[in-house]
Amino acid sequence: MTTQPDASGCPVHALPPVPLTGPRFLGDANEFHAELRRDYGPVVPVELLGGVPAWLVIGYRELHQVTTDHVLFPRDSGLWNQWPNIAPDWPLLPMVQPPVPSIYRTVGAEHRRHVAMVEPALESVSLYELRSACEELADRLIDSFCGRGSADLVAEFAEPLPALTLARVLGIPDAEGIKIARLLKAFADGGVEAVAAHTQFTEAMQRLLYNTRTGPGRGPVARMLEHPDKFTDEEYVLDLTAVTAAGHLPTADWIGNSVRLMLTDDRFAVALGGGRRSVDQAMNEVLWEDSPNQILAGRWAARDTRLAEQMIRAGDMLLLGLGAANGDPHVRQQIGSATHLGNNAHFAFSYGEYRCPFPAQQMAEVIARTAIEVLLDRLPDLDLAVPPAELVRRPSAFLRGMVALPVVFTPVRALGVTP
């Protein structure tokens, strides 16, 4: 397939751009990605909400190239050639931000400066204490619905638990943790409330910074403030918004997607009764088969170049198709059935310099694994309350989770867990 620019400099394609909205996009991911590979190859012209053009990289090798070549494909959104066309209330703006001084939006030495401050702060979190807090909060959430024999595991468990656990770690009151969960969901789904929700979330992080600075000074936020290389309040807040947002919804969807597959797919059903080892294996395979982080924005071309068979223009945005790349037949043929045996060569946490910091990965894994273990211990006969075909995907262009996960089980007595 060939491409050439039109009068505006945008590529003209033999096939039209694929919208990253609607039933086709939100349907069966494997079928959707297979169609894209057949029709377009490993790099696909797409349109985001509002007809905003971009490229979706779905080839494993091509995604590796894009995430490691920081000269040709920097994470510098200031290069984007579409900024003149982006309205200030564009619902996806919180996920595709203009350049700001945060860990995920800076480049080069400035990016490394932020990493040097954020990573040690995250490493200071005791994984033992994190697990203990997560167990307590999971039991408390299950207590709220275990006696009635039915629940929506997304709204009542998977979504609030990571937010409450992270709030506990950061020193945020539980009540505000629930509010933060709602705000993160609103701006990640890209609806009409997205921009306002992002503003309110930022204000919550500003309060957290103020309370930490004027309080007893414990926890990862205090460690950030103690770093010898001082940052502005804006930088602290932006880094807090970045790591909190990145840690919440992907973890919530990891929990929900894992439980869904355990209830609907024979390959995962063994985890329901196979003990903690099988839960670990199932969770790792979920990162291959149904990764919460489906698409990340992104990288921006520093100059005109070719990627696969596509002509990429300077300033074009490349979306990282993490979920699609994990299913690339070229790499899956090489790893075969190894995914469930602990192969971690997936892109679920991205790759390269902007890969999710390792301490954050550990925290997400502890929260997700603890959530599933406690859930299966408390409610061992979980079953779906609706046919699998009736489960609906969240309307997010970037994250892959479910609107709801209705389940039924034998009612059990609450443990009486209190804050």
Protein backbone atom coordinates (compact mmCIF):
# COMPACT_ATOMS: atom_id res chain seq x y z
CA MET A 1 0.00 0.00 0.00
CA THR A 2 1.27 3.44 -0.87
CA THR A 3 0.54 6.79 0.65
CA GLN A 4 1.13 10.35 -0.43
CA PRO A 5 0.40 13.69 1.24
CA ASP A 6 -2.55 15.82 0.25
CA ALA A 7 -2.44 19.61 0.08
CA SER A 8 -2.54 19.90 3.86
CA GLY A 9 0.36 17.53 4.34
CA CYS A 10 -1.81 14.72 5.74
CA PRO A 11 -1.42 11.25 4.26
CA VAL A 12 -3.96 9.96 1.76
CA HIS A 13 -4.58 6.22 2.04
CA ALA A 14 -5.90 3.54 -0.24
CA LEU A 15 -8.12 2.54 2.69
CA PRO A 16 -9.84 4.99 5.03
CA PRO A 17 -8.58 5.60 8.57
CA VAL A 18 -10.05 3.31 11.21
CA PRO A 19 -12.09 5.04 13.94
CA LEU A 20 -11.05 4.12 17.48
CA THR A 21 -14.64 4.36 18.61
CA GLY A 22 -17.84 2.41 18.09
CA PRO A 23 -18.92 -1.25 18.26
CA ARG A 24 -16.18 -2.59 16.00
CA PHE A 25 -13.42 -1.08 18.12
CA LEU A 26 -15.04 -2.04 21.42
CA GLY A 27 -15.87 -5.58 20.28
CA ASP A 28 -13.64 -8.65 20.07
CA ALA A 29 -10.08 -7.30 20.20
CA ASN A 30 -8.47 -10.31 18.52
CA GLU A 31 -10.83 -10.10 15.54
CA PHE A 32 -10.39 -6.35 15.29
CA HIS A 33 -6.59 -6.56 15.34
CA ALA A 34 -6.59 -9.43 12.82
CA GLU A 35 -8.67 -7.31 10.43
CA LEU A 36 -6.27 -4.38 10.85
CA ARG A 37 -3.23 -6.56 10.11
CA ARG A 38 -4.90 -8.04 7.05
CA ASP A 39 -5.98 -4.70 5.62
CA TYR A 40 -3.23 -2.32 6.73
CA GLY A 41 -0.24 -4.23 8.07
CA PRO A 42 1.59 -3.42 11.33
CA VAL A 43 1.00 0.38 11.20
CA VAL A 44 -2.60 1.55 10.83
CA PRO A 45 -4.04 4.99 10.00
CA VAL A 46 -6.69 5.72 12.63
CA GLU A 47 -8.97 8.47 13.86
CA LEU A 48 -9.54 9.41 17.46
CA LEU A 49 -12.71 11.03 18.73
CA GLY A 50 -13.58 14.07 16.63
CA GLY A 51 -11.79 12.77 13.53
CA VAL A 52 -8.31 13.50 14.91
CA PRO A 53 -5.76 11.54 12.82
CA ALA A 54 -3.01 9.32 14.21
CA TRP A 55 -1.12 6.10 13.51
CA LEU A 56 -1.73 2.95 15.55
CA VAL A 57 1.34 0.71 15.80
CA ILE A 58 0.17 -2.91 16.20
CA GLY A 59 3.27 -4.85 15.10
CA TYR A 60 5.47 -6.20 17.88
CA ARG A 61 8.72 -5.39 16.05
CA GLU A 62 7.52 -1.98 14.95
CA LEU A 63 6.37 -1.11 18.47
CA HIS A 64 9.78 -2.14 19.80
CA GLN A 65 11.37 0.17 17.25
CA VAL A 66 9.15 3.12 18.12
CA THR A 67 9.60 2.77 21.89
CA THR A 68 13.39 2.50 21.70
CA ASP A 69 14.23 5.13 19.08
CA HIS A 70 13.96 8.33 21.15
CA VAL A 71 15.55 10.46 18.43
CA LEU A 72 13.17 9.60 15.60
CA PHE A 73 10.10 8.97 17.79
CA PRO A 74 10.45 11.11 20.92
CA ARG A 75 7.75 11.39 23.54
CA ASP A 76 7.44 15.10 22.83
CA SER A 77 3.81 16.04 22.30
CA GLY A 78 4.91 19.57 21.45
CA LEU A 79 5.81 18.20 18.01
CA TRP A 80 2.22 17.24 17.24
CA ASN A 81 1.03 18.76 13.98
CA GLN A 82 -2.60 18.61 15.09
CA TRP A 83 -2.46 21.05 18.01
CA PRO A 84 -4.03 23.88 15.93
CA ASN A 85 -7.07 21.62 15.44
CA ILE A 86 -7.49 20.54 19.08
CA ALA A 87 -10.19 22.31 21.08
CA PRO A 88 -9.54 23.03 24.77
CA ASP A 89 -12.50 20.81 25.70
CA TRP A 90 -11.48 17.83 23.54
CA PRO A 91 -12.45 14.85 25.74
CA LEU A 92 -9.18 13.01 25.09
CA LEU A 93 -7.02 15.98 26.05
CA PRO A 94 -6.26 14.58 29.55
CA MET A 95 -4.76 11.49 27.89
CA VAL A 96 -2.88 13.41 25.15
CA GLN A 97 -1.53 16.40 27.01
CA PRO A 98 0.55 19.30 25.73
CA PRO A 99 4.13 19.30 27.04
CA VAL A 100 4.13 19.62 30.83
CA PRO A 101 6.97 19.10 33.33
CA SER A 102 6.04 15.59 34.50
CA ILE A 103 7.70 12.19 34.48
CA TYR A 104 5.75 11.07 31.39
CA ARG A 105 5.82 14.34 29.44
CA THR A 106 9.46 15.39 29.64
CA VAL A 107 12.34 14.14 27.51
CA GLY A 108 16.05 13.51 27.85
CA ALA A 109 17.85 14.72 30.96
CA GLU A 110 14.72 16.38 32.33
CA HIS A 111 12.81 13.10 32.13
CA ARG A 112 15.63 11.28 33.91
CA ARG A 113 15.58 13.96 36.63
CA HIS A 114 11.92 13.20 37.33
CA VAL A 115 12.55 9.45 37.30
CA ALA A 116 15.35 9.88 39.85
CA MET A 117 12.87 11.56 42.19
CA VAL A 118 9.78 9.39 41.61
CA GLU A 119 11.27 5.88 41.55
CA PRO A 120 12.94 6.00 45.00
CA ALA A 121 9.69 7.38 46.44
CA LEU A 122 7.77 4.41 45.03
CA GLU A 123 10.48 2.01 46.21
CA SER A 124 9.96 3.30 49.74
CA VAL A 125 6.50 1.70 49.83
CA SER A 126 6.59 -1.53 51.84
CA LEU A 127 5.03 -4.25 49.71
CA TYR A 128 4.14 -6.10 52.89
CA GLU A 129 2.23 -3.10 54.22
CA LEU A 130 0.69 -2.56 50.80
CA ARG A 131 -0.60 -6.12 50.73
CA SER A 132 -1.90 -5.85 54.30
CA ALA A 133 -3.80 -2.65 53.48
CA CYS A 134 -5.16 -4.18 50.28
CA GLU A 135 -6.39 -7.29 52.14
CA GLU A 136 -8.19 -5.16 54.72
CA LEU A 137 -9.81 -2.95 52.10
CA ALA A 138 -10.76 -5.93 49.90
CA ASP A 139 -12.45 -7.63 52.85
CA ARG A 140 -14.28 -4.41 53.69
CA LEU A 141 -15.58 -4.04 50.13
CA ILE A 142 -16.66 -7.70 49.97
CA ASP A 143 -18.42 -7.29 53.33
CA SER A 144 -20.62 -4.66 51.71
CA PHE A 145 -22.16 -7.14 49.25
CA CYS A 146 -21.33 -10.70 50.33
CA GLY A 147 -24.60 -11.20 52.21
CA ARG A 148 -26.87 -10.62 49.23
CA GLY A 149 -25.40 -13.23 46.88
CA SER A 150 -24.84 -10.90 43.92
CA ALA A 151 -22.61 -7.97 42.99
CA ASP A 152 -21.15 -5.89 40.21
CA LEU A 153 -17.49 -6.66 40.67
CA VAL A 154 -16.40 -3.67 38.60
CA ALA A 155 -18.27 -0.92 40.44
CA GLU A 156 -18.22 -2.55 43.88
CA PHE A 157 -14.77 -4.11 43.95
CA ALA A 158 -12.30 -3.83 41.06
CA GLU A 159 -12.58 -0.07 40.57
CA PRO A 160 -12.63 1.19 44.17
CA LEU A 161 -10.00 -1.21 45.57
CA PRO A 162 -6.88 0.10 43.75
CA ALA A 163 -7.92 3.70 44.41
CA LEU A 164 -8.49 3.03 48.10
CA THR A 165 -5.22 1.14 48.42
CA LEU A 166 -3.21 3.83 46.65
CA ALA A 167 -4.96 6.50 48.72
CA ARG A 168 -3.95 4.66 51.89
CA VAL A 169 -0.33 4.54 50.70
CA LEU A 170 -0.30 8.22 49.73
CA GLY A 171 -2.00 9.41 52.88
CA ILE A 172 -5.38 10.31 51.35
CA PRO A 173 -8.57 9.70 53.40
CA ASP A 174 -10.66 6.75 52.22
CA ALA A 175 -13.65 8.94 51.35
CA GLU A 176 -11.53 11.02 48.99
CA GLY A 177 -10.02 7.84 47.54
CA ILE A 178 -13.48 6.79 46.33
CA LYS A 179 -13.99 10.22 44.76
CA ILE A 180 -10.61 9.99 43.03
CA ALA A 181 -11.61 6.62 41.56
CA ARG A 182 -14.67 8.23 39.95
CA LEU A 183 -12.65 11.13 38.58
CA LEU A 184 -9.98 8.87 37.07
CA LYS A 185 -12.63 6.74 35.38
CA ALA A 186 -14.33 9.84 33.95
CA PHE A 187 -11.26 11.31 32.29
CA ALA A 188 -9.85 7.98 31.10
CA ASP A 189 -13.10 7.06 29.35
CA GLY A 190 -12.96 10.31 27.38
CA GLY A 191 -16.55 11.43 27.87
CA VAL A 192 -18.01 14.91 28.16
CA GLU A 193 -16.89 15.14 31.79
CA ALA A 194 -13.27 14.21 31.06
CA VAL A 195 -11.65 17.66 31.16
CA ALA A 196 -13.54 18.75 34.30
CA ALA A 197 -12.72 15.45 36.01
CA HIS A 198 -9.04 15.88 35.21
CA THR A 199 -9.11 19.37 36.72
CA GLN A 200 -10.73 18.08 39.93
CA PHE A 201 -8.22 15.23 40.12
CA THR A 202 -5.36 17.71 39.81
CA GLU A 203 -6.86 19.75 42.65
CA ALA A 204 -6.95 16.59 44.80
CA MET A 205 -3.24 16.08 44.16
CA GLN A 206 -2.58 19.71 45.08
CA ARG A 207 -4.31 19.12 48.42
CA LEU A 208 -2.27 15.98 48.94
CA LEU A 209 0.96 17.89 48.37
CA TYR A 210 -0.08 20.65 50.77
CA ASN A 211 -1.21 18.19 53.47
CA THR A 212 2.02 16.22 53.19
CA ARG A 213 4.18 19.33 53.37
CA THR A 214 2.37 20.63 56.46
CA GLY A 215 1.79 17.23 58.10
CA PRO A 216 3.95 14.58 59.79
CA GLY A 217 5.92 13.86 56.61
CA ARG A 218 5.59 10.10 56.00
CA GLY A 219 5.12 8.03 52.87
CA PRO A 220 6.18 8.32 49.22
CA VAL A 221 5.02 11.92 48.82
CA ALA A 222 7.24 12.96 51.71
CA ARG A 223 10.12 11.07 50.05
CA MET A 224 9.53 13.06 46.87
CA LEU A 225 9.74 16.30 48.83
CA GLU A 226 12.96 15.13 50.50
CA HIS A 227 14.75 14.55 47.20
CA PRO A 228 17.82 16.81 47.03
CA ASP A 229 16.99 18.04 43.53
CA LYS A 230 14.10 20.39 44.25
CA PHE A 231 11.07 20.66 42.01
CA THR A 232 8.29 23.20 41.68
CA ASP A 233 4.87 22.52 43.17
CA GLU A 234 3.53 22.13 39.64
CA GLU A 235 6.09 19.41 38.94
CA TYR A 236 5.31 17.54 42.15
CA VAL A 237 1.58 17.67 41.41
CA LEU A 238 2.00 16.57 37.80
CA ASP A 239 4.13 13.61 38.85
CA LEU A 240 1.57 12.65 41.50
CA THR A 241 -1.25 12.82 38.96
CA ALA A 242 0.78 10.72 36.52
CA VAL A 243 1.72 7.88 38.88
CA THR A 244 -1.68 7.78 40.61
CA ALA A 245 -3.64 7.68 37.35
CA ALA A 246 -1.29 5.10 35.85
CA GLY A 247 -1.60 2.97 38.97
CA HIS A 248 -5.36 2.99 39.37
CA LEU A 249 -7.45 2.15 36.30
CA PRO A 250 -5.03 -0.28 34.62
CA THR A 251 -4.88 -2.19 37.91
CA ALA A 252 -8.67 -2.10 38.25
CA ASP A 253 -9.04 -3.44 34.72
CA TRP A 254 -6.35 -6.08 35.39
CA ILE A 255 -8.49 -7.34 38.29
CA GLY A 256 -11.72 -7.22 36.29
CA ASN A 257 -10.28 -8.79 33.14
CA SER A 258 -8.64 -11.57 35.17
CA VAL A 259 -11.86 -12.47 36.96
CA ARG A 260 -13.83 -12.31 33.72
CA LEU A 261 -11.47 -14.73 32.00
CA MET A 262 -11.48 -17.04 35.02
CA LEU A 263 -15.29 -17.17 34.75
CA THR A 264 -15.57 -17.48 30.96
CA ASP A 265 -12.44 -19.18 29.58
CA ASP A 266 -11.50 -22.78 30.33
CA ARG A 267 -7.79 -21.91 30.18
CA PHE A 268 -8.23 -19.60 33.15
CA ALA A 269 -10.92 -21.47 35.07
CA VAL A 270 -8.34 -23.63 36.85
CA ALA A 271 -7.23 -20.53 38.74
CA LEU A 272 -10.57 -20.53 40.55
CA GLY A 273 -9.54 -23.63 42.47
CA GLY A 274 -5.89 -24.07 41.71
CA GLY A 275 -4.34 -22.02 44.50
CA ARG A 276 -2.13 -18.99 44.41
CA ARG A 277 0.34 -20.31 41.86
CA SER A 278 -2.41 -20.66 39.26
CA VAL A 279 -3.65 -17.14 40.06
CA ASP A 280 -0.17 -15.75 39.31
CA GLN A 281 -0.04 -17.64 36.01
CA ALA A 282 -3.52 -16.54 35.01
CA MET A 283 -2.76 -12.91 35.80
CA ASN A 284 0.39 -12.98 33.67
CA GLU A 285 -1.48 -14.48 30.75
CA VAL A 286 -4.15 -11.79 31.06
CA LEU A 287 -1.40 -9.26 30.33
CA TRP A 288 -0.83 -11.09 27.05
CA GLU A 289 -4.44 -11.85 26.14
CA ASP A 290 -6.44 -8.89 27.48
CA SER A 291 -4.03 -6.23 28.66
CA PRO A 292 -5.67 -3.29 30.46
CA ASN A 293 -3.28 -0.89 28.75
CA GLN A 294 -4.42 -1.41 25.17
CA ILE A 295 -3.21 1.86 23.66
CA LEU A 296 -0.89 4.59 24.89
CA ALA A 297 -0.43 8.08 23.49
CA GLY A 298 2.18 8.14 22.34
CA ARG A 299 5.20 9.14 20.32
CA TRP A 300 5.59 11.92 17.77
CA ALA A 301 7.67 11.72 14.62
CA ALA A 302 10.62 14.14 14.69
CA ARG A 303 10.88 14.10 10.89
CA ASP A 304 9.40 12.44 7.83
CA THR A 305 10.14 8.73 7.88
CA ARG A 306 8.82 5.31 6.92
CA LEU A 307 7.54 2.75 9.38
CA ALA A 308 6.67 -0.59 7.85
CA GLU A 309 4.97 0.43 4.59
CA GLN A 310 3.55 3.71 5.85
CA MET A 311 4.87 7.21 5.24
CA ILE A 312 4.93 9.03 8.59
CA ARG A 313 5.10 12.82 8.44
CA ALA A 314 6.95 15.05 10.89
CA GLY A 315 4.68 15.77 13.82
CA ASP A 316 2.37 12.79 13.29
CA MET A 317 1.25 11.07 16.48
CA LEU A 318 1.94 7.35 16.88
CA LEU A 319 -0.32 5.48 19.28
CA LEU A 320 1.30 2.48 20.95
CA GLY A 321 -0.96 -0.52 20.34
CA LEU A 322 0.29 -2.52 23.33
CA GLY A 323 -2.55 -5.04 23.36
CA ALA A 324 -2.43 -5.60 19.63
CA ALA A 325 1.35 -6.04 19.61
CA ASN A 326 1.05 -8.70 22.32
CA GLY A 327 -1.12 -10.67 19.91
CA ASP A 328 1.14 -10.21 16.86
CA PRO A 329 1.24 -13.66 15.17
CA HIS A 330 4.96 -13.25 14.42
CA VAL A 331 5.90 -13.13 18.11
CA ARG A 332 3.17 -15.51 19.30
CA GLN A 333 4.47 -18.21 16.97
CA GLN A 334 7.87 -17.87 18.61
CA ILE A 335 6.71 -18.02 22.22
CA GLY A 336 3.97 -20.59 21.60
CA SER A 337 2.29 -21.66 24.83
CA ALA A 338 4.93 -20.04 27.02
CA THR A 339 2.76 -17.09 27.96
CA HIS A 340 1.14 -18.89 30.87
CA LEU A 341 4.50 -20.14 32.12
CA GLY A 342 5.79 -16.73 33.11
CA ASN A 343 6.98 -15.18 29.86
CA ASN A 344 7.08 -11.43 30.56
CA ALA A 345 8.05 -10.18 27.10
CA HIS A 346 4.64 -8.51 26.73
CA PHE A 347 4.08 -4.78 26.28
CA ALA A 348 1.51 -4.50 29.07
CA PHE A 349 3.74 -2.01 30.92
CA SER A 350 5.01 -0.43 27.68
CA TYR A 351 8.73 -0.58 26.86
CA GLY A 352 11.87 1.48 26.74
CA GLU A 353 12.70 4.63 28.66
CA TYR A 354 9.04 5.40 29.41
CA ARG A 355 8.12 1.92 30.55
CA CYS A 356 6.12 1.88 33.77
CA PRO A 357 8.66 2.19 36.62
CA PHE A 358 9.44 -1.21 38.11
CA PRO A 359 8.32 -0.29 41.66
CA ALA A 360 4.96 0.77 40.21
CA GLN A 361 4.67 -2.56 38.39
CA GLN A 362 5.31 -4.39 41.65
CA MET A 363 2.67 -2.34 43.43
CA ALA A 364 0.10 -2.99 40.71
CA GLU A 365 0.82 -6.72 40.82
CA VAL A 366 0.50 -6.86 44.62
CA ILE A 367 -2.85 -5.03 44.52
CA ALA A 368 -4.28 -7.08 41.66
CA ARG A 369 -3.09 -10.45 42.98
CA THR A 370 -4.26 -9.71 46.52
CA ALA A 371 -7.65 -8.59 45.23
CA ILE A 372 -8.20 -11.81 43.31
CA GLU A 373 -6.92 -14.08 46.09
CA VAL A 374 -9.13 -12.46 48.71
CA LEU A 375 -12.12 -12.52 46.37
CA LEU A 376 -11.73 -16.22 45.58
CA ASP A 377 -11.09 -17.09 49.22
CA ARG A 378 -14.24 -15.28 50.34
CA LEU A 379 -16.52 -16.21 47.41
CA PRO A 380 -15.24 -19.51 45.97
CA ASP A 381 -18.38 -20.28 43.91
CA LEU A 382 -18.46 -17.08 41.88
CA ASP A 383 -20.37 -17.30 38.61
CA LEU A 384 -21.42 -14.82 35.96
CA ALA A 385 -24.95 -13.50 36.34
CA VAL A 386 -25.31 -12.86 32.58
CA PRO A 387 -24.14 -14.62 29.40
CA PRO A 388 -20.55 -13.61 28.52
CA ALA A 389 -21.76 -12.03 25.27
CA GLU A 390 -23.72 -9.44 27.28
CA LEU A 391 -20.63 -8.01 28.99
CA VAL A 392 -19.92 -4.51 27.67
CA ARG A 393 -16.52 -2.90 27.25
CA ARG A 394 -15.78 0.52 28.69
CA PRO A 395 -15.87 3.27 26.02
CA SER A 396 -12.19 4.14 26.39
CA ALA A 397 -9.87 4.60 23.43
CA PHE A 398 -6.90 3.64 25.60
CA LEU A 399 -7.87 1.21 28.38
CA ARG A 400 -9.63 -2.11 28.01
CA GLY A 401 -11.99 -3.04 30.80
CA MET A 402 -15.68 -3.66 31.35
CA VAL A 403 -18.56 -1.37 32.22
CA ALA A 404 -19.83 -3.99 34.66
CA LEU A 405 -19.12 -7.56 35.78
CA PRO A 406 -22.34 -8.91 37.37
CA VAL A 407 -21.81 -12.10 39.38
CA VAL A 408 -23.76 -14.39 41.68
CA PHE A 409 -22.54 -16.58 44.56
CA THR A 410 -23.70 -18.25 47.72
CA PRO A 411 -24.33 -15.53 50.31
CA VAL A 412 -21.83 -15.54 53.17
CA ARG A 413 -21.52 -13.70 56.46
CA ALA A 414 -19.58 -10.46 56.58
CA LEU A 415 -16.32 -10.43 58.51
CA GLY A 416 -17.15 -7.07 60.07
CA VAL A 417 -14.01 -5.35 58.82
CA THR A 418 -13.91 -1.70 59.87
CA PRO A 419 -11.55 1.15 58.92
